[in-house]
Amino acid sequence: MGINKRINAIQWAQACAADGEFQLAARHWTGGLRLRIGAEVLELVVDDGLPKPGANTEPGRWVEYAGPTAVWNEILAAVPSRFNNDLVARMSTHGGLEAVGDALTVAQYYGAIMRAVELLRPRAPVDVPRQCPVEGSFDSPVGRYVHLNLQGHDHRLYYEEAGQGIPVLLQHTAGCHGSQWRHLFECPEITSRFRLIAYDLPMHGKSLPPTTQEWWAEAYRLKGDFLRSVPVGLTRVLQLDRPVFMGCSVGGLLALDLAHKHADTFRAVISVEGALRIGGDLESLGMLHHPQVGNEYKARLMDGLMAPQSPLALRRETSFVYASGWPASFLGDLVYYIEEFDLRAVAQEIDTHRVAVHILSGEYDHSGRSELGQAAHAAIPGSTWRQMNGVGHFPMSENPDVFLKYLLPILETINS
């Protein structure tokens, strides 16, 4: 069925005008979004953020996405299949779409663009609300600061912990902080046997920059030697006895890095969205730290890394954390994630008799794709790997109920 059999341009403009999320994302936008769906064309014109049915806009102000009808049918499904839930995800994996338009405009208004596309989909089932805690109750973790000397500078590092038993250090994703792990703290099946410790990397979350370094006068670039020193240092100052290390994304790569370089420090590593090499072109990601692009761009890109089946409120919470971070942190963390990290030539050196290695990959993650996790497993003798169906790049925060189904069996083997 052609797209304009489902909704025409006037109905599309009306749906956008009535949608609070689109209104916020499109504020101050004057221009247009054009979708070429096979031989059909669907246009949305906005004037200072307000949809204008039937109006025109200047030629240079159009952002356009073009592709065959079959591709758009996948993108516009009520629950899109793997990598069809987001325009960037589709273009970076399967192709089939061409994008034309000013890159700055796309970055500034990608949230509005994707929300307009979502409003063309059939209405998805309403999420079942999670049970709210009783008023006045307390969550499990307790937070505090510890001082670490890292590369000659004192760092006041924030961490939260809960539980008892085998210590587990929890590393957040790039540009984020330890709140991503909050759902695990409320799982008695874990905290009855494991002491969970979620920390914020220096210059992330509540871990402020060192006062002895002119960090404001230099570009932030996360390097492996510094990154590895954080969990190793925490293990030392907190006097942890061969803890488990679990990290996601940049933390998932770090998990394998630690297994290779610090096997005697950790009893096991759990690499969530891990790989031996991610790679990519860091220069092409400059819009992630551009003076005319806000953190909302990062937030919306992260939504495209998550599964559409994950609860909307938890997806938006995950994106919210990205929108709240120091603007330089995300792109700076990607120096390690994209440019520096590469274990392909040494993966076979990881001794899983000294440190157990477990790899988990989200089905919808188009960055640390499950194929990369599976390849890492194949290269590391004695490791384990599973694809987590129905989740994406942030399983612990976007859909913790699904994540626990894959995590608990791993923790059982570590505790046995």
Protein backbone atom coordinates (compact mmCIF):
# COMPACT_ATOMS: atom_id res chain seq x y z
CA MET A 1 0.00 0.00 0.00
CA GLY A 2 1.42 3.43 -0.92
CA ILE A 3 2.24 5.69 1.99
CA ASN A 4 -0.25 8.40 1.03
CA LYS A 5 -3.00 5.78 1.09
CA ARG A 6 -2.33 5.62 4.83
CA ILE A 7 -1.82 9.33 5.52
CA ASN A 8 -1.59 12.38 3.27
CA ALA A 9 0.51 15.53 3.67
CA ILE A 10 -2.25 17.48 5.41
CA GLN A 11 -2.92 14.70 7.90
CA TRP A 12 0.83 14.36 8.49
CA ALA A 13 1.16 18.07 9.25
CA GLN A 14 -1.83 17.93 11.57
CA ALA A 15 -0.40 14.91 13.43
CA CYS A 16 2.92 16.72 13.90
CA ALA A 17 1.21 19.92 15.05
CA ALA A 18 -0.74 17.97 17.67
CA ASP A 19 2.28 16.04 18.96
CA GLY A 20 4.09 17.52 21.95
CA GLU A 21 7.33 15.70 21.26
CA PHE A 22 7.49 17.00 17.69
CA GLN A 23 6.66 20.54 18.80
CA LEU A 24 9.57 20.59 21.25
CA ALA A 25 12.04 19.00 18.83
CA ALA A 26 11.07 21.31 15.93
CA ARG A 27 11.19 24.62 17.81
CA HIS A 28 12.61 27.48 15.68
CA TRP A 29 12.92 25.21 12.62
CA THR A 30 12.00 26.86 9.34
CA GLY A 31 12.35 24.47 6.44
CA GLY A 32 10.92 21.23 5.15
CA LEU A 33 11.15 17.45 5.30
CA ARG A 34 10.61 15.56 2.06
CA LEU A 35 10.25 11.78 1.87
CA ARG A 36 10.57 10.11 -1.55
CA ILE A 37 8.85 6.77 -1.19
CA GLY A 38 9.33 5.03 -4.48
CA ALA A 39 7.54 7.24 -7.01
CA GLU A 40 5.55 9.05 -4.31
CA VAL A 41 6.56 12.24 -2.51
CA LEU A 42 5.41 13.33 0.93
CA GLU A 43 6.32 16.80 2.17
CA LEU A 44 6.15 18.53 5.54
CA VAL A 45 6.84 22.28 5.73
CA VAL A 46 7.55 23.96 9.08
CA ASP A 47 7.71 27.69 9.80
CA ASP A 48 9.44 28.56 13.09
CA GLY A 49 8.60 25.07 14.28
CA LEU A 50 4.94 25.10 13.22
CA PRO A 51 3.76 22.67 10.50
CA LYS A 52 2.14 24.52 7.58
CA PRO A 53 0.00 22.21 5.40
CA GLY A 54 0.31 23.05 1.72
CA ALA A 55 2.99 25.72 2.24
CA ASN A 56 6.29 25.95 0.35
CA THR A 57 9.82 26.58 1.57
CA GLU A 58 13.07 27.68 -0.03
CA PRO A 59 14.90 24.97 -2.04
CA GLY A 60 17.99 25.02 0.18
CA ARG A 61 15.95 24.44 3.34
CA TRP A 62 14.70 20.95 2.42
CA VAL A 63 15.96 17.81 4.15
CA GLU A 64 15.18 14.80 1.97
CA TYR A 65 15.27 11.03 2.39
CA ALA A 66 14.63 8.84 -0.66
CA GLY A 67 14.32 5.11 -1.12
CA PRO A 68 12.26 2.30 -2.63
CA THR A 69 8.77 1.62 -1.33
CA ALA A 70 9.89 -1.74 0.04
CA VAL A 71 12.49 -0.04 2.25
CA TRP A 72 9.98 2.51 3.54
CA ASN A 73 7.49 -0.26 4.28
CA GLU A 74 10.09 -1.76 6.64
CA ILE A 75 10.86 1.60 8.26
CA LEU A 76 7.20 2.52 8.70
CA ALA A 77 6.07 -0.79 10.18
CA ALA A 78 4.33 -0.54 13.56
CA VAL A 79 7.27 -2.39 15.15
CA PRO A 80 10.19 -2.05 12.71
CA SER A 81 12.55 -4.97 12.32
CA ARG A 82 16.23 -4.86 13.22
CA PHE A 83 17.92 -1.61 12.09
CA ASN A 84 14.75 -0.29 10.43
CA ASN A 85 13.63 1.59 13.54
CA ASP A 86 15.80 4.63 12.75
CA LEU A 87 16.96 6.40 9.57
CA VAL A 88 20.63 6.51 10.62
CA ALA A 89 20.48 2.86 11.64
CA ARG A 90 19.04 1.86 8.26
CA MET A 91 21.53 3.92 6.24
CA SER A 92 24.57 2.74 8.22
CA THR A 93 23.71 -0.97 8.00
CA HIS A 94 21.52 -1.97 5.05
CA GLY A 95 21.58 1.16 2.93
CA GLY A 96 18.65 1.64 0.57
CA LEU A 97 18.11 5.26 1.57
CA GLU A 98 19.68 8.43 0.24
CA ALA A 99 19.80 11.58 2.36
CA VAL A 100 20.10 15.11 0.99
CA GLY A 101 20.27 18.27 3.07
CA ASP A 102 22.39 20.55 5.18
CA ALA A 103 24.25 18.45 7.78
CA LEU A 104 23.92 21.12 10.45
CA THR A 105 20.15 21.31 9.97
CA VAL A 106 19.86 17.54 10.17
CA ALA A 107 21.83 17.47 13.44
CA GLN A 108 19.84 20.34 14.92
CA TYR A 109 16.48 18.82 14.02
CA TYR A 110 17.06 15.09 13.82
CA GLY A 111 14.70 14.63 16.76
CA ALA A 112 11.92 16.37 14.83
CA ILE A 113 12.75 14.44 11.65
CA MET A 114 12.56 11.07 13.38
CA ARG A 115 9.44 11.99 15.32
CA ALA A 116 7.73 13.01 12.08
CA VAL A 117 8.66 9.63 10.60
CA GLU A 118 7.36 7.83 13.69
CA LEU A 119 4.02 9.59 13.32
CA LEU A 120 3.61 7.90 9.92
CA ARG A 121 3.67 4.47 11.54
CA PRO A 122 0.57 2.66 12.74
CA ARG A 123 -0.06 3.33 16.40
CA ALA A 124 2.05 0.97 18.48
CA PRO A 125 0.67 -0.86 21.54
CA VAL A 126 0.67 1.24 24.71
CA ASP A 127 3.41 0.37 27.21
CA VAL A 128 2.35 -1.33 30.42
CA PRO A 129 3.46 1.06 33.19
CA ARG A 130 6.07 -0.25 35.61
CA GLN A 131 4.93 -0.41 39.22
CA CYS A 132 5.80 2.80 41.08
CA PRO A 133 7.63 2.56 44.42
CA VAL A 134 5.78 3.47 47.59
CA GLU A 135 6.14 7.13 48.56
CA GLY A 136 8.90 7.62 51.11
CA SER A 137 10.70 4.39 50.23
CA PHE A 138 14.41 4.44 49.46
CA ASP A 139 16.23 2.90 46.54
CA SER A 140 19.00 0.46 47.43
CA PRO A 141 22.26 2.14 46.37
CA VAL A 142 24.26 4.49 48.59
CA GLY A 143 26.63 6.95 46.94
CA ARG A 144 29.92 8.47 48.04
CA TYR A 145 33.23 9.79 46.72
CA VAL A 146 36.68 8.25 46.77
CA HIS A 147 39.95 9.91 45.77
CA LEU A 148 42.02 8.26 43.04
CA ASN A 149 45.41 9.38 41.79
CA LEU A 150 45.24 8.92 38.03
CA GLN A 151 48.23 9.89 35.90
CA GLY A 152 49.47 12.35 38.52
CA HIS A 153 46.16 14.08 39.24
CA ASP A 154 43.76 13.67 42.16
CA HIS A 155 40.32 12.60 40.94
CA ARG A 156 37.30 12.76 43.24
CA LEU A 157 35.41 9.79 41.84
CA TYR A 158 31.73 9.23 42.55
CA TYR A 159 30.26 5.75 42.89
CA GLU A 160 27.11 4.08 44.17
CA GLU A 161 26.90 0.61 45.67
CA ALA A 162 24.45 -1.93 47.01
CA GLY A 163 24.50 -5.61 47.83
CA GLN A 164 26.94 -8.01 49.41
CA GLY A 165 29.21 -10.77 48.23
CA ILE A 166 31.36 -10.87 45.11
CA PRO A 167 32.16 -7.29 44.02
CA VAL A 168 31.04 -6.20 40.55
CA LEU A 169 32.38 -2.97 39.04
CA LEU A 170 29.88 -1.43 36.59
CA GLN A 171 31.14 0.83 33.78
CA HIS A 172 28.68 3.08 31.93
CA THR A 173 28.57 3.85 28.21
CA ALA A 174 30.32 6.72 26.40
CA GLY A 175 29.28 10.22 27.49
CA CYS A 176 27.05 8.85 30.24
CA HIS A 177 27.22 7.94 33.94
CA GLY A 178 26.46 5.17 36.40
CA SER A 179 22.71 5.77 36.71
CA GLN A 180 22.32 3.46 33.71
CA TRP A 181 22.71 0.52 36.11
CA ARG A 182 20.05 1.62 38.60
CA HIS A 183 17.65 -1.23 37.86
CA LEU A 184 20.19 -3.90 38.77
CA PHE A 185 20.51 -2.42 42.27
CA GLU A 186 16.86 -3.30 42.90
CA CYS A 187 17.23 -6.98 41.96
CA PRO A 188 17.53 -9.12 45.15
CA GLU A 189 18.59 -12.11 43.07
CA ILE A 190 21.76 -10.15 42.33
CA THR A 191 22.34 -8.03 45.44
CA SER A 192 21.97 -11.01 47.80
CA ARG A 193 25.15 -12.47 46.29
CA PHE A 194 26.96 -9.59 44.61
CA ARG A 195 28.19 -6.17 45.75
CA LEU A 196 27.38 -3.85 42.86
CA ILE A 197 29.57 -0.75 42.43
CA ALA A 198 28.58 1.67 39.63
CA TYR A 199 31.02 4.53 39.15
CA ASP A 200 31.11 7.69 37.07
CA LEU A 201 34.23 8.10 34.97
CA PRO A 202 36.21 11.29 35.62
CA MET A 203 34.45 14.25 33.99
CA HIS A 204 31.20 12.27 33.76
CA GLY A 205 28.14 12.45 35.98
CA LYS A 206 29.10 13.49 39.50
CA SER A 207 32.85 12.90 39.02
CA LEU A 208 34.08 16.44 38.52
CA PRO A 209 37.29 17.33 36.65
CA PRO A 210 40.57 17.49 38.65
CA THR A 211 41.42 20.91 40.04
CA THR A 212 45.11 20.44 39.20
CA GLN A 213 44.65 20.21 35.43
CA GLU A 214 43.66 22.88 32.89
CA TRP A 215 41.15 20.55 31.28
CA TRP A 216 39.17 23.51 29.91
CA ALA A 217 42.08 24.49 27.62
CA GLU A 218 42.54 21.14 25.87
CA ALA A 219 40.40 18.80 23.82
CA TYR A 220 39.01 15.90 25.82
CA ARG A 221 40.21 12.61 24.34
CA LEU A 222 39.73 9.36 26.26
CA LYS A 223 42.69 7.00 25.90
CA GLY A 224 42.95 3.37 26.91
CA ASP A 225 45.74 3.67 29.46
CA PHE A 226 43.74 6.24 31.44
CA LEU A 227 40.45 4.36 31.06
CA ARG A 228 41.96 1.06 32.21
CA SER A 229 43.50 2.77 35.24
CA VAL A 230 40.08 3.68 36.64
CA PRO A 231 38.67 0.20 37.44
CA VAL A 232 42.14 -1.06 38.35
CA GLY A 233 42.56 1.89 40.72
CA LEU A 234 39.12 1.38 42.24
CA THR A 235 39.92 -2.27 42.83
CA ARG A 236 43.03 -1.19 44.71
CA VAL A 237 41.62 1.62 46.88
CA LEU A 238 38.37 -0.19 47.69
CA GLN A 239 40.38 -3.34 48.47
CA LEU A 240 38.25 -5.53 46.22
CA ASP A 241 39.20 -9.18 45.94
CA ARG A 242 39.30 -10.00 42.22
CA PRO A 243 36.01 -8.31 41.32
CA VAL A 244 33.84 -8.98 38.31
CA PHE A 245 33.92 -6.19 35.74
CA MET A 246 30.84 -5.46 33.64
CA GLY A 247 30.71 -2.63 31.12
CA CYS A 248 28.50 -1.64 28.22
CA SER A 249 29.51 -0.06 24.89
CA VAL A 250 32.81 1.70 25.61
CA GLY A 251 32.66 -0.26 28.85
CA GLY A 252 32.04 -3.46 26.90
CA LEU A 253 35.23 -2.88 24.93
CA LEU A 254 37.03 -2.03 28.17
CA ALA A 255 35.90 -5.37 29.62
CA LEU A 256 37.78 -7.28 26.91
CA ASP A 257 40.73 -4.89 27.20
CA LEU A 258 40.97 -5.63 30.93
CA ALA A 259 40.70 -9.36 30.29
CA HIS A 260 43.71 -9.06 28.00
CA LYS A 261 45.88 -6.71 30.09
CA HIS A 262 44.72 -7.28 33.70
CA ALA A 263 43.61 -10.90 33.85
CA ASP A 264 44.88 -11.37 37.40
CA THR A 265 42.93 -8.36 38.73
CA PHE A 266 39.46 -9.61 37.73
CA ARG A 267 37.85 -13.02 38.11
CA ALA A 268 35.44 -12.42 35.20
CA VAL A 269 34.42 -9.76 32.72
CA ILE A 270 30.99 -9.28 31.17
CA SER A 271 31.24 -7.38 27.92
CA VAL A 272 27.88 -5.87 26.98
CA GLU A 273 27.86 -4.74 23.33
CA GLY A 274 31.53 -5.72 23.11
CA ALA A 275 33.72 -6.33 20.07
CA LEU A 276 37.36 -6.68 19.11
CA ARG A 277 37.16 -3.56 16.96
CA ILE A 278 34.41 -1.03 16.25
CA GLY A 279 36.25 1.38 13.95
CA GLY A 280 34.70 4.15 11.91
CA ASP A 281 35.44 7.73 10.94
CA LEU A 282 35.62 9.95 14.01
CA GLU A 283 35.94 13.07 11.85
CA SER A 284 32.49 12.43 10.38
CA LEU A 285 30.96 12.68 13.86
CA GLY A 286 31.89 16.31 14.50
CA MET A 287 28.24 17.30 14.90
CA LEU A 288 28.29 15.46 18.24
CA HIS A 289 30.26 18.40 19.67
CA HIS A 290 29.32 21.41 17.57
CA PRO A 291 28.61 24.86 19.04
CA GLN A 292 25.33 25.08 17.09
CA VAL A 293 24.07 21.58 17.98
CA GLY A 294 22.63 20.74 21.38
CA ASN A 295 22.86 17.52 23.36
CA GLU A 296 19.36 16.58 22.17
CA TYR A 297 20.98 15.35 18.96
CA LYS A 298 22.97 12.75 20.90
CA ALA A 299 19.86 11.78 22.81
CA ARG A 300 17.87 11.11 19.65
CA LEU A 301 20.71 9.18 18.02
CA MET A 302 20.84 6.96 21.10
CA ASP A 303 17.14 6.23 20.75
CA GLY A 304 17.96 4.82 17.32
CA LEU A 305 20.33 2.33 18.97
CA MET A 306 17.53 0.93 21.13
CA ALA A 307 14.84 -1.58 20.29
CA PRO A 308 11.34 -0.27 19.53
CA GLN A 309 9.97 -3.01 21.79
CA SER A 310 11.73 -1.54 24.84
CA PRO A 311 9.40 0.51 27.09
CA LEU A 312 9.14 4.05 25.78
CA ALA A 313 9.60 5.65 29.20
CA LEU A 314 12.86 3.76 29.79
CA ARG A 315 14.11 4.56 26.29
CA ARG A 316 13.45 8.23 26.90
CA GLU A 317 15.16 8.03 30.30
CA THR A 318 18.22 6.51 28.66
CA SER A 319 18.27 9.33 26.12
CA PHE A 320 17.73 11.91 28.85
CA VAL A 321 21.01 10.90 30.49
CA TYR A 322 22.80 11.56 27.21
CA ALA A 323 21.21 14.97 26.90
CA SER A 324 22.42 15.81 30.43
CA GLY A 325 26.13 15.12 30.01
CA TRP A 326 29.10 17.45 29.54
CA PRO A 327 28.94 18.25 25.80
CA ALA A 328 32.54 17.20 25.12
CA SER A 329 32.37 13.84 26.86
CA PHE A 330 30.59 11.73 24.25
CA LEU A 331 32.79 12.56 21.26
CA GLY A 332 35.89 12.44 23.47
CA ASP A 333 35.01 8.94 24.71
CA LEU A 334 34.65 7.80 21.11
CA VAL A 335 38.40 8.36 20.63
CA TYR A 336 38.90 5.11 22.54
CA TYR A 337 35.77 3.45 21.18
CA ILE A 338 36.38 4.16 17.49
CA GLU A 339 40.04 5.07 16.99
CA GLU A 340 42.23 3.41 19.60
CA PHE A 341 40.63 0.15 20.68
CA ASP A 342 41.65 -2.88 18.60
CA LEU A 343 42.17 -6.38 20.01
CA ARG A 344 41.95 -8.30 16.73
CA ALA A 345 45.63 -9.25 16.69
CA VAL A 346 45.79 -10.28 20.37
CA ALA A 347 42.35 -11.68 21.21
CA GLN A 348 43.67 -15.25 21.26
CA GLU A 349 46.05 -14.23 24.08
CA ILE A 350 43.13 -13.75 26.50
CA ASP A 351 43.28 -16.67 28.95
CA THR A 352 39.77 -17.54 30.08
CA HIS A 353 41.21 -19.94 32.67
CA ARG A 354 42.55 -16.85 34.47
CA VAL A 355 39.59 -14.54 33.78
CA ALA A 356 36.21 -15.70 32.52
CA VAL A 357 34.88 -13.79 29.50
CA HIS A 358 31.18 -13.39 28.75
CA ILE A 359 29.86 -11.33 25.81
CA LEU A 360 26.26 -10.13 25.37
CA SER A 361 25.04 -8.33 22.23
CA GLY A 362 21.75 -6.50 21.70
CA GLU A 363 19.79 -7.40 18.57
CA TYR A 364 19.00 -3.79 17.62
CA ASP A 365 22.43 -2.31 18.35
CA HIS A 366 23.78 -1.04 15.02
CA SER A 367 27.04 0.18 16.61
CA GLY A 368 28.36 -2.81 18.55
CA ARG A 369 26.46 -5.19 16.28
CA SER A 370 25.86 -8.72 17.48
CA GLU A 371 27.96 -10.03 14.59
CA LEU A 372 30.93 -8.21 16.13
CA GLY A 373 30.25 -9.76 19.52
CA GLN A 374 29.98 -13.19 17.97
CA ALA A 375 33.31 -12.67 16.15
CA ALA A 376 34.95 -11.69 19.45
CA HIS A 377 33.62 -14.87 21.03
CA ALA A 378 35.01 -16.95 18.16
CA ALA A 379 38.44 -15.36 18.63
CA ILE A 380 38.61 -15.81 22.43
CA PRO A 381 38.83 -19.51 23.34
CA GLY A 382 36.60 -20.41 26.28
CA SER A 383 34.44 -17.28 26.12
CA THR A 384 30.65 -17.26 25.95
CA TRP A 385 28.34 -15.18 23.75
CA ARG A 386 24.62 -14.63 23.37
CA GLN A 387 22.49 -12.28 21.32
CA MET A 388 19.88 -10.54 23.46
CA ASN A 389 16.73 -10.45 21.35
CA GLY A 390 14.38 -7.49 21.57
CA VAL A 391 16.88 -5.02 23.02
CA GLY A 392 19.52 -2.67 21.67
CA HIS A 393 22.67 -0.89 22.80
CA PHE A 394 21.56 -0.13 26.39
CA PRO A 395 19.83 -3.29 27.65
CA MET A 396 20.38 -2.57 31.35
CA SER A 397 18.50 0.75 31.14
CA GLU A 398 16.19 0.44 28.12
CA ASN A 399 14.70 -2.92 29.09
CA PRO A 400 16.14 -4.32 32.33
CA ASP A 401 13.59 -7.14 32.54
CA VAL A 402 14.88 -8.62 29.28
CA PHE A 403 18.51 -7.93 30.21
CA LEU A 404 18.18 -9.87 33.46
CA LYS A 405 17.07 -12.99 31.60
CA TYR A 406 20.47 -13.05 29.90
CA LEU A 407 22.58 -11.73 32.78
CA LEU A 408 21.39 -13.91 35.66
CA PRO A 409 22.62 -17.21 34.15
CA ILE A 410 26.08 -15.65 33.72
CA LEU A 411 26.15 -14.46 37.32
CA GLU A 412 25.08 -17.93 38.40
CA THR A 413 28.16 -19.45 36.77
CA ILE A 414 30.42 -16.83 38.40
CA ASN A 415 28.88 -17.46 41.82
CA SER A 416 29.06 -21.26 41.59
